[in-house]
Every structure is written in C-alpha cells, then in structure tokens.
PDB file of N, CA and C in Angstrom:
ATOM      1  N   MET A   1      -8.425   4.950 -15.784  1.00  0.00           N
ATOM      2  CA  MET A   1      -8.196   3.555 -16.084  1.00  0.00           C
ATOM      3  C   MET A   1      -8.020   2.750 -14.795  1.00  0.00           C
ATOM      4  N   LEU A   2      -7.298   3.315 -13.797  1.00  0.00           N
ATOM      5  CA  LEU A   2      -7.089   2.577 -12.553  1.00  0.00           C
ATOM      6  C   LEU A   2      -8.394   2.345 -11.799  1.00  0.00           C
ATOM      7  N   ARG A   3      -9.292   3.314 -11.845  1.00  0.00           N
ATOM      8  CA  ARG A   3     -10.584   3.126 -11.178  1.00  0.00           C
ATOM      9  C   ARG A   3     -11.371   1.987 -11.835  1.00  0.00           C
ATOM     10  N   PHE A   4     -11.343   1.941 -13.154  1.00  0.00           N
ATOM     11  CA  PHE A   4     -12.016   0.863 -13.878  1.00  0.00           C
ATOM     12  C   PHE A   4     -11.379  -0.480 -13.510  1.00  0.00           C
ATOM     13  N   ALA A   5     -10.043  -0.521 -13.515  1.00  0.00           N
ATOM     14  CA  ALA A   5      -9.348  -1.756 -13.176  1.00  0.00           C
ATOM     15  C   ALA A   5      -9.692  -2.201 -11.755  1.00  0.00           C
ATOM     16  N   ALA A   6      -9.767  -1.247 -10.832  1.00  0.00           N
ATOM     17  CA  ALA A   6     -10.086  -1.582  -9.438  1.00  0.00           C
ATOM     18  C   ALA A   6     -11.473  -2.203  -9.314  1.00  0.00           C
ATOM     19  N   ALA A   7     -12.368  -1.752 -10.160  1.00  0.00           N
ATOM     20  CA  ALA A   7     -13.736  -2.266 -10.103  1.00  0.00           C
ATOM     21  C   ALA A   7     -13.892  -3.593 -10.835  1.00  0.00           C
ATOM     22  N   GLN A   8     -13.011  -3.885 -11.808  1.00  0.00           N
ATOM     23  CA  GLN A   8     -13.228  -5.042 -12.674  1.00  0.00           C
ATOM     24  C   GLN A   8     -12.112  -6.089 -12.689  1.00  0.00           C
ATOM     25  N   ALA A   9     -10.878  -5.670 -12.560  1.00  0.00           N
ATOM     26  CA  ALA A   9      -9.746  -6.575 -12.810  1.00  0.00           C
ATOM     27  C   ALA A   9      -9.348  -7.389 -11.582  1.00  0.00           C
ATOM     28  N   ASN A  10      -8.754  -8.533 -11.824  1.00  0.00           N
ATOM     29  CA  ASN A  10      -8.213  -9.357 -10.753  1.00  0.00           C
ATOM     30  C   ASN A  10      -6.756  -9.028 -10.469  1.00  0.00           C
ATOM     31  N   ILE A  11      -6.041  -8.596 -11.506  1.00  0.00           N
ATOM     32  CA  ILE A  11      -4.643  -8.191 -11.367  1.00  0.00           C
ATOM     33  C   ILE A  11      -4.507  -6.785 -11.948  1.00  0.00           C
ATOM     34  N   ILE A  12      -3.892  -5.887 -11.171  1.00  0.00           N
ATOM     35  CA  ILE A  12      -3.749  -4.495 -11.600  1.00  0.00           C
ATOM     36  C   ILE A  12      -2.269  -4.137 -11.600  1.00  0.00           C
ATOM     37  N   GLY A  13      -1.805  -3.592 -12.708  1.00  0.00           N
ATOM     38  CA  GLY A  13      -0.441  -3.083 -12.799  1.00  0.00           C
ATOM     39  C   GLY A  13      -0.453  -1.579 -12.594  1.00  0.00           C
ATOM     40  N   VAL A  14       0.336  -1.117 -11.641  1.00  0.00           N
ATOM     41  CA  VAL A  14       0.468   0.323 -11.400  1.00  0.00           C
ATOM     42  C   VAL A  14       1.871   0.699 -11.844  1.00  0.00           C
ATOM     43  N   ASN A  15       1.939   1.269 -13.026  1.00  0.00           N
ATOM     44  CA  ASN A  15       3.219   1.560 -13.655  1.00  0.00           C
ATOM     45  C   ASN A  15       3.236   2.985 -14.180  1.00  0.00           C
ATOM     46  N   PRO A  16       4.418   3.530 -14.423  1.00  0.00           N
ATOM     47  CA  PRO A  16       4.476   4.861 -15.025  1.00  0.00           C
ATOM     48  C   PRO A  16       3.903   4.827 -16.436  1.00  0.00           C
ATOM     49  N   SER A  17       3.390   5.954 -16.864  1.00  0.00           N
ATOM     50  CA  SER A  17       2.896   6.021 -18.237  1.00  0.00           C
ATOM     51  C   SER A  17       4.085   5.927 -19.180  1.00  0.00           C
ATOM     52  N   LEU A  18       3.855   5.418 -20.354  1.00  0.00           N
ATOM     53  CA  LEU A  18       4.924   5.264 -21.349  1.00  0.00           C
ATOM     54  C   LEU A  18       4.555   6.070 -22.594  1.00  0.00           C
ATOM     55  N   PRO A  19       4.677   7.390 -22.491  1.00  0.00           N
ATOM     56  CA  PRO A  19       4.290   8.247 -23.615  1.00  0.00           C
ATOM     57  C   PRO A  19       5.346   8.248 -24.709  1.00  0.00           C
ATOM     58  N   SER A  20       5.070   9.023 -25.730  1.00  0.00           N
ATOM     59  CA  SER A  20       6.039   9.171 -26.815  1.00  0.00           C
ATOM     60  C   SER A  20       7.300   9.823 -26.260  1.00  0.00           C
ATOM     61  N   SER A  21       8.377   9.761 -27.001  1.00  0.00           N
ATOM     62  CA  SER A  21       9.648  10.301 -26.537  1.00  0.00           C
ATOM     63  C   SER A  21       9.588  11.799 -26.272  1.00  0.00           C
ATOM     64  N   ASP A  22       8.600  12.491 -26.839  1.00  0.00           N
ATOM     65  CA  ASP A  22       8.475  13.935 -26.628  1.00  0.00           C
ATOM     66  C   ASP A  22       8.288  14.282 -25.151  1.00  0.00           C
ATOM     67  N   VAL A  23       7.585  13.442 -24.420  1.00  0.00           N
ATOM     68  CA  VAL A  23       7.277  13.733 -23.015  1.00  0.00           C
ATOM     69  C   VAL A  23       7.760  12.626 -22.074  1.00  0.00           C
ATOM     70  N   ALA A  24       8.675  11.808 -22.539  1.00  0.00           N
ATOM     71  CA  ALA A  24       9.152  10.687 -21.728  1.00  0.00           C
ATOM     72  C   ALA A  24       9.798  11.156 -20.433  1.00  0.00           C
ATOM     73  N   ALA A  25      10.560  12.241 -20.483  1.00  0.00           N
ATOM     74  CA  ALA A  25      11.221  12.730 -19.271  1.00  0.00           C
ATOM     75  C   ALA A  25      10.202  13.110 -18.207  1.00  0.00           C
ATOM     76  N   ALA A  26       9.127  13.755 -18.600  1.00  0.00           N
ATOM     77  CA  ALA A  26       8.095  14.158 -17.638  1.00  0.00           C
ATOM     78  C   ALA A  26       7.384  12.951 -17.043  1.00  0.00           C
ATOM     79  N   SER A  27       7.266  11.878 -17.804  1.00  0.00           N
ATOM     80  CA  SER A  27       6.567  10.696 -17.302  1.00  0.00           C
ATOM     81  C   SER A  27       7.367   9.965 -16.233  1.00  0.00           C
ATOM     82  N   ALA A  28       8.661  10.223 -16.139  1.00  0.00           N
ATOM     83  CA  ALA A  28       9.472   9.577 -15.110  1.00  0.00           C
ATOM     84  C   ALA A  28       8.943   9.905 -13.718  1.00  0.00           C
ATOM     85  N   GLN A  29       8.327  11.067 -13.559  1.00  0.00           N
ATOM     86  CA  GLN A  29       7.739  11.444 -12.273  1.00  0.00           C
ATOM     87  C   GLN A  29       6.633  10.476 -11.859  1.00  0.00           C
ATOM     88  N   ASP A  30       5.998   9.822 -12.817  1.00  0.00           N
ATOM     89  CA  ASP A  30       4.943   8.837 -12.515  1.00  0.00           C
ATOM     90  C   ASP A  30       5.484   7.636 -11.739  1.00  0.00           C
ATOM     91  N   ALA A  31       6.785   7.426 -11.763  1.00  0.00           N
ATOM     92  CA  ALA A  31       7.382   6.277 -11.085  1.00  0.00           C
ATOM     93  C   ALA A  31       7.832   6.587  -9.664  1.00  0.00           C
ATOM     94  N   LEU A  32       7.701   7.837  -9.250  1.00  0.00           N
ATOM     95  CA  LEU A  32       8.143   8.211  -7.906  1.00  0.00           C
ATOM     96  C   LEU A  32       7.112   7.800  -6.857  1.00  0.00           C
ATOM     97  N   PRO A  33       7.569   7.551  -5.649  1.00  0.00           N
ATOM     98  CA  PRO A  33       6.672   7.052  -4.598  1.00  0.00           C
ATOM     99  C   PRO A  33       5.394   7.877  -4.396  1.00  0.00           C
ATOM    100  N   ALA A  34       5.478   9.183  -4.434  1.00  0.00           N
ATOM    101  CA  ALA A  34       4.278  10.002  -4.197  1.00  0.00           C
ATOM    102  C   ALA A  34       3.202   9.733  -5.250  1.00  0.00           C
ATOM    103  N   ARG A  35       3.587   9.628  -6.514  1.00  0.00           N
ATOM    104  CA  ARG A  35       2.611   9.352  -7.582  1.00  0.00           C
ATOM    105  C   ARG A  35       2.054   7.938  -7.475  1.00  0.00           C
ATOM    106  N   ILE A  36       2.914   6.986  -7.162  1.00  0.00           N
ATOM    107  CA  ILE A  36       2.460   5.604  -7.009  1.00  0.00           C
ATOM    108  C   ILE A  36       1.479   5.526  -5.836  1.00  0.00           C
ATOM    109  N   ASP A  37       1.787   6.221  -4.738  1.00  0.00           N
ATOM    110  CA  ASP A  37       0.872   6.241  -3.583  1.00  0.00           C
ATOM    111  C   ASP A  37      -0.485   6.802  -3.971  1.00  0.00           C
ATOM    112  N   THR A  38      -0.485   7.864  -4.768  1.00  0.00           N
ATOM    113  CA  THR A  38      -1.742   8.456  -5.233  1.00  0.00           C
ATOM    114  C   THR A  38      -2.536   7.435  -6.048  1.00  0.00           C
ATOM    115  N   ASN A  39      -1.861   6.714  -6.922  1.00  0.00           N
ATOM    116  CA  ASN A  39      -2.535   5.684  -7.723  1.00  0.00           C
ATOM    117  C   ASN A  39      -3.157   4.611  -6.837  1.00  0.00           C
ATOM    118  N   PHE A  40      -2.444   4.205  -5.802  1.00  0.00           N
ATOM    119  CA  PHE A  40      -2.991   3.186  -4.905  1.00  0.00           C
ATOM    120  C   PHE A  40      -4.167   3.715  -4.092  1.00  0.00           C
ATOM    121  N   GLN A  41      -4.161   5.003  -3.777  1.00  0.00           N
ATOM    122  CA  GLN A  41      -5.316   5.591  -3.093  1.00  0.00           C
ATOM    123  C   GLN A  41      -6.558   5.500  -3.990  1.00  0.00           C
ATOM    124  N   TRP A  42      -6.395   5.800  -5.275  1.00  0.00           N
ATOM    125  CA  TRP A  42      -7.519   5.687  -6.222  1.00  0.00           C
ATOM    126  C   TRP A  42      -8.026   4.256  -6.260  1.00  0.00           C
ATOM    127  N   ILE A  43      -7.093   3.310  -6.337  1.00  0.00           N
ATOM    128  CA  ILE A  43      -7.482   1.899  -6.419  1.00  0.00           C
ATOM    129  C   ILE A  43      -8.215   1.473  -5.154  1.00  0.00           C
ATOM    130  N   ARG A  44      -7.678   1.829  -4.005  1.00  0.00           N
ATOM    131  CA  ARG A  44      -8.322   1.429  -2.741  1.00  0.00           C
ATOM    132  C   ARG A  44      -9.749   1.963  -2.656  1.00  0.00           C
ATOM    133  N   ARG A  45      -9.933   3.239  -3.032  1.00  0.00           N
ATOM    134  CA  ARG A  45     -11.275   3.833  -2.992  1.00  0.00           C
ATOM    135  C   ARG A  45     -12.218   3.151  -3.975  1.00  0.00           C
ATOM    136  N   ALA A  46     -11.732   2.861  -5.159  1.00  0.00           N
ATOM    137  CA  ALA A  46     -12.595   2.288  -6.192  1.00  0.00           C
ATOM    138  C   ALA A  46     -12.864   0.795  -5.953  1.00  0.00           C
ATOM    139  N   ALA A  47     -11.897   0.084  -5.404  1.00  0.00           N
ATOM    140  CA  ALA A  47     -12.066  -1.361  -5.217  1.00  0.00           C
ATOM    141  C   ALA A  47     -12.970  -1.684  -4.034  1.00  0.00           C
ATOM    142  N   CYS A  48     -12.946  -0.873  -3.016  1.00  0.00           N
ATOM    143  CA  CYS A  48     -13.765  -1.084  -1.809  1.00  0.00           C
ATOM    144  C   CYS A  48     -13.687  -2.530  -1.329  1.00  0.00           C
ATOM    145  N   ALA A  49     -14.814  -3.216  -1.341  1.00  0.00           N
ATOM    146  CA  ALA A  49     -14.893  -4.585  -0.811  1.00  0.00           C
ATOM    147  C   ALA A  49     -14.071  -5.577  -1.636  1.00  0.00           C
ATOM    148  N   ARG A  50     -13.777  -5.252  -2.891  1.00  0.00           N
ATOM    149  CA  ARG A  50     -13.010  -6.165  -3.752  1.00  0.00           C
ATOM    150  C   ARG A  50     -11.519  -6.155  -3.418  1.00  0.00           C
ATOM    151  N   LEU A  51     -11.054  -5.183  -2.652  1.00  0.00           N
ATOM    152  CA  LEU A  51      -9.616  -5.012  -2.441  1.00  0.00           C
ATOM    153  C   LEU A  51      -8.898  -6.293  -2.003  1.00  0.00           C
ATOM    154  N   PRO A  52      -9.437  -7.090  -1.088  1.00  0.00           N
ATOM    155  CA  PRO A  52      -8.732  -8.323  -0.708  1.00  0.00           C
ATOM    156  C   PRO A  52      -8.556  -9.320  -1.858  1.00  0.00           C
ATOM    157  N   GLU A  53      -9.362  -9.204  -2.894  1.00  0.00           N
ATOM    158  CA  GLU A  53      -9.277 -10.127  -4.030  1.00  0.00           C
ATOM    159  C   GLU A  53      -8.288  -9.659  -5.096  1.00  0.00           C
ATOM    160  N   VAL A  54      -7.926  -8.390  -5.068  1.00  0.00           N
ATOM    161  CA  VAL A  54      -7.087  -7.797  -6.111  1.00  0.00           C
ATOM    162  C   VAL A  54      -5.620  -8.113  -5.854  1.00  0.00           C
ATOM    163  N   GLU A  55      -4.925  -8.504  -6.920  1.00  0.00           N
ATOM    164  CA  GLU A  55      -3.480  -8.711  -6.865  1.00  0.00           C
ATOM    165  C   GLU A  55      -2.825  -7.614  -7.693  1.00  0.00           C
ATOM    166  N   PHE A  56      -1.564  -7.331  -7.354  1.00  0.00           N
ATOM    167  CA  PHE A  56      -0.863  -6.251  -8.039  1.00  0.00           C
ATOM    168  C   PHE A  56       0.356  -6.755  -8.781  1.00  0.00           C
ATOM    169  N   HIS A  57       0.594  -6.135  -9.903  1.00  0.00           N
ATOM    170  CA  HIS A  57       1.713  -6.439 -10.776  1.00  0.00           C
ATOM    171  C   HIS A  57       2.660  -5.247 -10.731  1.00  0.00           C
ATOM    172  N   ALA A  58       3.957  -5.514 -10.583  1.00  0.00           N
ATOM    173  CA  ALA A  58       4.955  -4.439 -10.582  1.00  0.00           C
ATOM    174  C   ALA A  58       5.913  -4.657 -11.748  1.00  0.00           C
ATOM    175  N   TRP A  59       6.189  -3.587 -12.450  1.00  0.00           N
ATOM    176  CA  TRP A  59       7.153  -3.603 -13.556  1.00  0.00           C
ATOM    177  C   TRP A  59       8.456  -3.049 -13.017  1.00  0.00           C
ATOM    178  N   LEU A  60       9.512  -3.807 -13.084  1.00  0.00           N
ATOM    179  CA  LEU A  60      10.811  -3.399 -12.572  1.00  0.00           C
ATOM    180  C   LEU A  60      11.691  -3.010 -13.747  1.00  0.00           C
ATOM    181  N   ARG A  61      12.029  -1.742 -13.842  1.00  0.00           N
ATOM    182  CA  ARG A  61      12.792  -1.246 -14.991  1.00  0.00           C
ATOM    183  C   ARG A  61      14.296  -1.325 -14.771  1.00  0.00           C
ATOM    184  N   TRP A  62      14.736  -1.003 -13.548  1.00  0.00           N
ATOM    185  CA  TRP A  62      16.165  -1.018 -13.241  1.00  0.00           C
ATOM    186  C   TRP A  62      16.424  -1.917 -12.052  1.00  0.00           C
ATOM    187  N   ALA A  63      17.324  -2.894 -12.219  1.00  0.00           N
ATOM    188  CA  ALA A  63      17.696  -3.795 -11.134  1.00  0.00           C
ATOM    189  C   ALA A  63      19.203  -3.991 -11.170  1.00  0.00           C
ATOM    190  N   GLN A  64      19.811  -3.900  -9.991  1.00  0.00           N
ATOM    191  CA  GLN A  64      21.255  -4.097  -9.915  1.00  0.00           C
ATOM    192  C   GLN A  64      21.646  -4.436  -8.483  1.00  0.00           C
ATOM    193  N   VAL A  65      22.426  -5.496  -8.322  1.00  0.00           N
ATOM    194  CA  VAL A  65      22.982  -5.829  -7.021  1.00  0.00           C
ATOM    195  C   VAL A  65      24.324  -5.117  -6.920  1.00  0.00           C
ATOM    196  N   THR A  66      24.441  -4.268  -5.893  1.00  0.00           N
ATOM    197  CA  THR A  66      25.656  -3.495  -5.692  1.00  0.00           C
ATOM    198  C   THR A  66      25.731  -3.025  -4.247  1.00  0.00           C
ATOM    199  N   PRO A  67      26.932  -2.924  -3.706  1.00  0.00           N
ATOM    200  CA  PRO A  67      27.048  -2.396  -2.345  1.00  0.00           C
ATOM    201  C   PRO A  67      26.916  -0.864  -2.301  1.00  0.00           C
ATOM    202  N   ARG A  68      26.882  -0.221  -3.468  1.00  0.00           N
ATOM    203  CA  ARG A  68      26.813   1.244  -3.533  1.00  0.00           C
ATOM    204  C   ARG A  68      25.555   1.700  -4.293  1.00  0.00           C
ATOM    205  N   ALA A  69      24.418   1.499  -3.673  1.00  0.00           N
ATOM    206  CA  ALA A  69      23.143   1.784  -4.332  1.00  0.00           C
ATOM    207  C   ALA A  69      23.007   3.256  -4.704  1.00  0.00           C
ATOM    208  N   ARG A  70      23.359   4.150  -3.797  1.00  0.00           N
ATOM    209  CA  ARG A  70      23.192   5.588  -4.067  1.00  0.00           C
ATOM    210  C   ARG A  70      24.043   6.016  -5.264  1.00  0.00           C
ATOM    211  N   THR A  71      25.247   5.487  -5.367  1.00  0.00           N
ATOM    212  CA  THR A  71      26.112   5.802  -6.508  1.00  0.00           C
ATOM    213  C   THR A  71      25.517   5.221  -7.789  1.00  0.00           C
ATOM    214  N   ALA A  72      25.014   4.005  -7.700  1.00  0.00           N
ATOM    215  CA  ALA A  72      24.467   3.328  -8.880  1.00  0.00           C
ATOM    216  C   ALA A  72      23.259   4.057  -9.457  1.00  0.00           C
ATOM    217  N   VAL A  73      22.426   4.664  -8.591  1.00  0.00           N
ATOM    218  CA  VAL A  73      21.240   5.368  -9.103  1.00  0.00           C
ATOM    219  C   VAL A  73      21.533   6.831  -9.414  1.00  0.00           C
ATOM    220  N   GLY A  74      22.768   7.245  -9.238  1.00  0.00           N
ATOM    221  CA  GLY A  74      23.140   8.632  -9.539  1.00  0.00           C
ATOM    222  C   GLY A  74      22.656   9.106 -10.901  1.00  0.00           C
ATOM    223  N   PRO A  75      22.915   8.356 -11.978  1.00  0.00           N
ATOM    224  CA  PRO A  75      22.441   8.790 -13.295  1.00  0.00           C
ATOM    225  C   PRO A  75      20.905   8.871 -13.395  1.00  0.00           C
ATOM    226  N   LEU A  76      20.205   8.099 -12.587  1.00  0.00           N
ATOM    227  CA  LEU A  76      18.738   8.121 -12.640  1.00  0.00           C
ATOM    228  C   LEU A  76      18.144   9.347 -11.956  1.00  0.00           C
ATOM    229  N   THR A  77      18.903   9.962 -11.055  1.00  0.00           N
ATOM    230  CA  THR A  77      18.353  11.127 -10.346  1.00  0.00           C
ATOM    231  C   THR A  77      18.024  12.247 -11.325  1.00  0.00           C
ATOM    232  N   ALA A  78      18.843  12.430 -12.332  1.00  0.00           N
ATOM    233  CA  ALA A  78      18.556  13.457 -13.344  1.00  0.00           C
ATOM    234  C   ALA A  78      17.346  13.059 -14.188  1.00  0.00           C
ATOM    235  N   ARG A  79      17.286  11.813 -14.564  1.00  0.00           N
ATOM    236  CA  ARG A  79      16.161  11.337 -15.382  1.00  0.00           C
ATOM    237  C   ARG A  79      14.824  11.473 -14.646  1.00  0.00           C
ATOM    238  N   PHE A  80      14.832  11.159 -13.350  1.00  0.00           N
ATOM    239  CA  PHE A  80      13.623  11.262 -12.540  1.00  0.00           C
ATOM    240  C   PHE A  80      13.399  12.669 -11.993  1.00  0.00           C
ATOM    241  N   ALA A  81      14.438  13.499 -12.061  1.00  0.00           N
ATOM    242  CA  ALA A  81      14.402  14.822 -11.430  1.00  0.00           C
ATOM    243  C   ALA A  81      14.020  14.671  -9.966  1.00  0.00           C
ATOM    244  N   ALA A  82      14.745  13.760  -9.291  1.00  0.00           N
ATOM    245  CA  ALA A  82      14.422  13.422  -7.908  1.00  0.00           C
ATOM    246  C   ALA A  82      15.700  13.056  -7.155  1.00  0.00           C
ATOM    247  N   SER A  83      15.587  12.980  -5.837  1.00  0.00           N
ATOM    248  CA  SER A  83      16.718  12.595  -4.997  1.00  0.00           C
ATOM    249  C   SER A  83      17.019  11.104  -5.152  1.00  0.00           C
ATOM    250  N   ALA A  84      18.210  10.723  -4.743  1.00  0.00           N
ATOM    251  CA  ALA A  84      18.578   9.304  -4.776  1.00  0.00           C
ATOM    252  C   ALA A  84      17.639   8.486  -3.891  1.00  0.00           C
ATOM    253  N   ASP A  85      17.220   9.053  -2.753  1.00  0.00           N
ATOM    254  CA  ASP A  85      16.288   8.336  -1.870  1.00  0.00           C
ATOM    255  C   ASP A  85      14.959   8.057  -2.568  1.00  0.00           C
ATOM    256  N   ASP A  86      14.426   9.057  -3.294  1.00  0.00           N
ATOM    257  CA  ASP A  86      13.162   8.861  -4.015  1.00  0.00           C
ATOM    258  C   ASP A  86      13.327   7.843  -5.145  1.00  0.00           C
ATOM    259  N   VAL A  87      14.450   7.909  -5.835  1.00  0.00           N
ATOM    260  CA  VAL A  87      14.690   6.951  -6.915  1.00  0.00           C
ATOM    261  C   VAL A  87      14.778   5.535  -6.342  1.00  0.00           C
ATOM    262  N   LEU A  88      15.502   5.365  -5.248  1.00  0.00           N
ATOM    263  CA  LEU A  88      15.625   4.042  -4.629  1.00  0.00           C
ATOM    264  C   LEU A  88      14.288   3.532  -4.096  1.00  0.00           C
ATOM    265  N   ALA A  89      13.393   4.426  -3.730  1.00  0.00           N
ATOM    266  CA  ALA A  89      12.076   4.032  -3.224  1.00  0.00           C
ATOM    267  C   ALA A  89      11.075   3.767  -4.340  1.00  0.00           C
ATOM    268  N   SER A  90      11.430   4.100  -5.570  1.00  0.00           N
ATOM    269  CA  SER A  90      10.523   3.883  -6.697  1.00  0.00           C
ATOM    270  C   SER A  90      10.293   2.394  -6.918  1.00  0.00           C
ATOM    271  N   PRO A  91       9.046   2.006  -7.144  1.00  0.00           N
ATOM    272  CA  PRO A  91       8.759   0.588  -7.398  1.00  0.00           C
ATOM    273  C   PRO A  91       9.372   0.042  -8.684  1.00  0.00           C
ATOM    274  N   ILE A  92       9.836   0.913  -9.577  1.00  0.00           N
ATOM    275  CA  ILE A  92      10.433   0.396 -10.807  1.00  0.00           C
ATOM    276  C   ILE A  92      11.952   0.299 -10.713  1.00  0.00           C
ATOM    277  N   VAL A  93      12.495   0.599  -9.528  1.00  0.00           N
ATOM    278  CA  VAL A  93      13.937   0.539  -9.301  1.00  0.00           C
ATOM    279  C   VAL A  93      14.201  -0.405  -8.134  1.00  0.00           C
ATOM    280  N   LEU A  94      15.129  -1.316  -8.314  1.00  0.00           N
ATOM    281  CA  LEU A  94      15.525  -2.223  -7.244  1.00  0.00           C
ATOM    282  C   LEU A  94      17.038  -2.366  -7.315  1.00  0.00           C
ATOM    283  N   VAL A  95      17.719  -1.523  -6.557  1.00  0.00           N
ATOM    284  CA  VAL A  95      19.177  -1.444  -6.595  1.00  0.00           C
ATOM    285  C   VAL A  95      19.694  -1.456  -5.164  1.00  0.00           C
ATOM    286  N   GLY A  96      20.735  -2.240  -4.919  1.00  0.00           N
ATOM    287  CA  GLY A  96      21.363  -2.282  -3.601  1.00  0.00           C
ATOM    288  C   GLY A  96      22.005  -3.626  -3.352  1.00  0.00           C
ATOM    289  N   SER A  97      22.423  -3.838  -2.108  1.00  0.00           N
ATOM    290  CA  SER A  97      22.979  -5.131  -1.721  1.00  0.00           C
ATOM    291  C   SER A  97      21.842  -6.152  -1.692  1.00  0.00           C
ATOM    292  N   VAL A  98      22.202  -7.414  -1.614  1.00  0.00           N
ATOM    293  CA  VAL A  98      21.178  -8.458  -1.575  1.00  0.00           C
ATOM    294  C   VAL A  98      20.242  -8.227  -0.392  1.00  0.00           C
ATOM    295  N   SER A  99      20.778  -7.918   0.773  1.00  0.00           N
ATOM    296  CA  SER A  99      19.913  -7.712   1.945  1.00  0.00           C
ATOM    297  C   SER A  99      19.027  -6.472   1.785  1.00  0.00           C
ATOM    298  N   GLU A 100      19.549  -5.409   1.165  1.00  0.00           N
ATOM    299  CA  GLU A 100      18.724  -4.214   0.907  1.00  0.00           C
ATOM    300  C   GLU A 100      17.594  -4.534  -0.066  1.00  0.00           C
ATOM    301  N   ILE A 101      17.904  -5.309  -1.090  1.00  0.00           N
ATOM    302  CA  ILE A 101      16.884  -5.673  -2.078  1.00  0.00           C
ATOM    303  C   ILE A 101      15.807  -6.540  -1.440  1.00  0.00           C
ATOM    304  N   VAL A 102      16.204  -7.499  -0.622  1.00  0.00           N
ATOM    305  CA  VAL A 102      15.225  -8.346   0.075  1.00  0.00           C
ATOM    306  C   VAL A 102      14.336  -7.480   0.960  1.00  0.00           C
ATOM    307  N   GLU A 103      14.931  -6.555   1.699  1.00  0.00           N
ATOM    308  CA  GLU A 103      14.152  -5.667   2.574  1.00  0.00           C
ATOM    309  C   GLU A 103      13.169  -4.814   1.781  1.00  0.00           C
ATOM    310  N   ARG A 104      13.615  -4.261   0.647  1.00  0.00           N
ATOM    311  CA  ARG A 104      12.721  -3.442  -0.184  1.00  0.00           C
ATOM    312  C   ARG A 104      11.566  -4.261  -0.745  1.00  0.00           C
ATOM    313  N   LEU A 105      11.861  -5.470  -1.193  1.00  0.00           N
ATOM    314  CA  LEU A 105      10.796  -6.322  -1.718  1.00  0.00           C
ATOM    315  C   LEU A 105       9.770  -6.652  -0.630  1.00  0.00           C
ATOM    316  N   GLN A 106      10.232  -6.915   0.572  1.00  0.00           N
ATOM    317  CA  GLN A 106       9.314  -7.196   1.666  1.00  0.00           C
ATOM    318  C   GLN A 106       8.467  -5.965   2.007  1.00  0.00           C
ATOM    319  N   GLU A 107       9.086  -4.789   2.038  1.00  0.00           N
ATOM    320  CA  GLU A 107       8.345  -3.550   2.299  1.00  0.00           C
ATOM    321  C   GLU A 107       7.299  -3.316   1.211  1.00  0.00           C
ATOM    322  N   ARG A 108       7.695  -3.501  -0.035  1.00  0.00           N
ATOM    323  CA  ARG A 108       6.767  -3.270  -1.150  1.00  0.00           C
ATOM    324  C   ARG A 108       5.602  -4.239  -1.098  1.00  0.00           C
ATOM    325  N   ARG A 109       5.871  -5.463  -0.743  1.00  0.00           N
ATOM    326  CA  ARG A 109       4.785  -6.436  -0.643  1.00  0.00           C
ATOM    327  C   ARG A 109       3.773  -5.991   0.404  1.00  0.00           C
ATOM    328  N   LEU A 110       4.238  -5.485   1.537  1.00  0.00           N
ATOM    329  CA  LEU A 110       3.333  -4.985   2.569  1.00  0.00           C
ATOM    330  C   LEU A 110       2.570  -3.758   2.091  1.00  0.00           C
ATOM    331  N   LEU A 111       3.272  -2.849   1.435  1.00  0.00           N
ATOM    332  CA  LEU A 111       2.636  -1.614   0.969  1.00  0.00           C
ATOM    333  C   LEU A 111       1.630  -1.868  -0.145  1.00  0.00           C
ATOM    334  N   LEU A 112       1.938  -2.802  -1.009  1.00  0.00           N
ATOM    335  CA  LEU A 112       1.088  -3.046  -2.166  1.00  0.00           C
ATOM    336  C   LEU A 112      -0.010  -4.066  -1.887  1.00  0.00           C
ATOM    337  N   ILE A 113      -0.116  -4.486  -0.677  1.00  0.00           N
ATOM    338  CA  ILE A 113      -1.134  -5.421  -0.224  1.00  0.00           C
ATOM    339  C   ILE A 113      -0.811  -6.836  -0.694  1.00  0.00           C
ATOM    340  N   ARG A 114      -0.984  -7.123  -1.972  1.00  0.00           N
ATOM    341  CA  ARG A 114      -0.726  -8.462  -2.498  1.00  0.00           C
ATOM    342  C   ARG A 114      -0.021  -8.345  -3.838  1.00  0.00           C
ATOM    343  N   MET A 115       1.287  -8.168  -3.813  1.00  0.00           N
ATOM    344  CA  MET A 115       2.033  -8.113  -5.054  1.00  0.00           C
ATOM    345  C   MET A 115       2.405  -9.531  -5.428  1.00  0.00           C
ATOM    346  N   SER A 116       1.822 -10.022  -6.490  1.00  0.00           N
ATOM    347  CA  SER A 116       2.065 -11.406  -6.870  1.00  0.00           C
ATOM    348  C   SER A 116       3.022 -11.543  -8.037  1.00  0.00           C
ATOM    349  N   GLU A 117       3.295 -10.467  -8.730  1.00  0.00           N
ATOM    350  CA  GLU A 117       4.186 -10.536  -9.896  1.00  0.00           C
ATOM    351  C   GLU A 117       5.133  -9.360  -9.912  1.00  0.00           C
ATOM    352  N   ILE A 118       6.380  -9.631 -10.260  1.00  0.00           N
ATOM    353  CA  ILE A 118       7.341  -8.574 -10.527  1.00  0.00           C
ATOM    354  C   ILE A 118       8.072  -8.964 -11.794  1.00  0.00           C
ATOM    355  N   ASN A 119       7.983  -8.138 -12.817  1.00  0.00           N
ATOM    356  CA  ASN A 119       8.681  -8.387 -14.065  1.00  0.00           C
ATOM    357  C   ASN A 119       9.996  -7.607 -14.040  1.00  0.00           C
ATOM    358  N   THR A 120      11.089  -8.267 -14.387  1.00  0.00           N
ATOM    359  CA  THR A 120      12.397  -7.626 -14.387  1.00  0.00           C
ATOM    360  C   THR A 120      12.919  -7.497 -15.814  1.00  0.00           C
ATOM    361  N   PRO A 121      13.847  -6.560 -16.013  1.00  0.00           N
ATOM    362  CA  PRO A 121      14.436  -6.439 -17.360  1.00  0.00           C
ATOM    363  C   PRO A 121      15.273  -7.672 -17.678  1.00  0.00           C
ATOM    364  N   ALA A 122      15.355  -8.000 -18.919  1.00  0.00           N
ATOM    365  CA  ALA A 122      16.135  -9.181 -19.330  1.00  0.00           C
ATOM    366  C   ALA A 122      17.607  -8.948 -19.208  1.00  0.00           C
TER     367      ALA A 122
END
C-alpha cells in the first residue's frame, strides 16, 4: 500500500497497522522507529522524483507534557515490548517537557521530509 501511495498520493500517512484485538499487541511493533524507518525507505524508493511533492501525515496516539517522560512511558514499554528510549522515539508518542516535545517535533519534521499534519488524541 505504501508503494502505491508513494506513486500516486499527495499526502501519505505512515502509521501502525490497526488489526483486530487478536493481534493488536504484535502491531505495536509497527510504531517503533525501526519499522517506521523501513516504511519511509519503501516510500522514498517508490516516490523517486515525486518525493519533494509528497507530504506526510502523522497520527499521534499518546501525548503528555511532563518533566518525567521516561516514567510516563513506563506502561507503554510493555505494550510496545520495547525500551523507554524506543517508545519515546516512536512517531505516535510525544511525551516530555515542552522543550523536549518541541525538539522531537523539529527532529521528526526533518526526518519525515515534509510533515504537514499531526493528529492528536482528543
């Protein structure tokens, strides 16, 4: 699907799969940086010359302003089966102090080329 989107779409969302509850825990791995990087590699290869025209959409599942980001994502480490560092680096997680969140958003914008939309939980 990402290859098709890279060839045809103007805006591409790179998000974890949302399977049935039977395999939801396994799909959490789709939100980790290594999997997201793999998805972007597919998009870059498939988009070729179109890449400068493509914009990216990010779905933000967890957001919290806190001075204790590592503690706050503690419960997510089990869900993701990953370290706190990997969870904090996930594009669907934005947790930390205001300055940490600003820094992460700036890093993500650079990494994602042109992130024009971020949807947050209500």
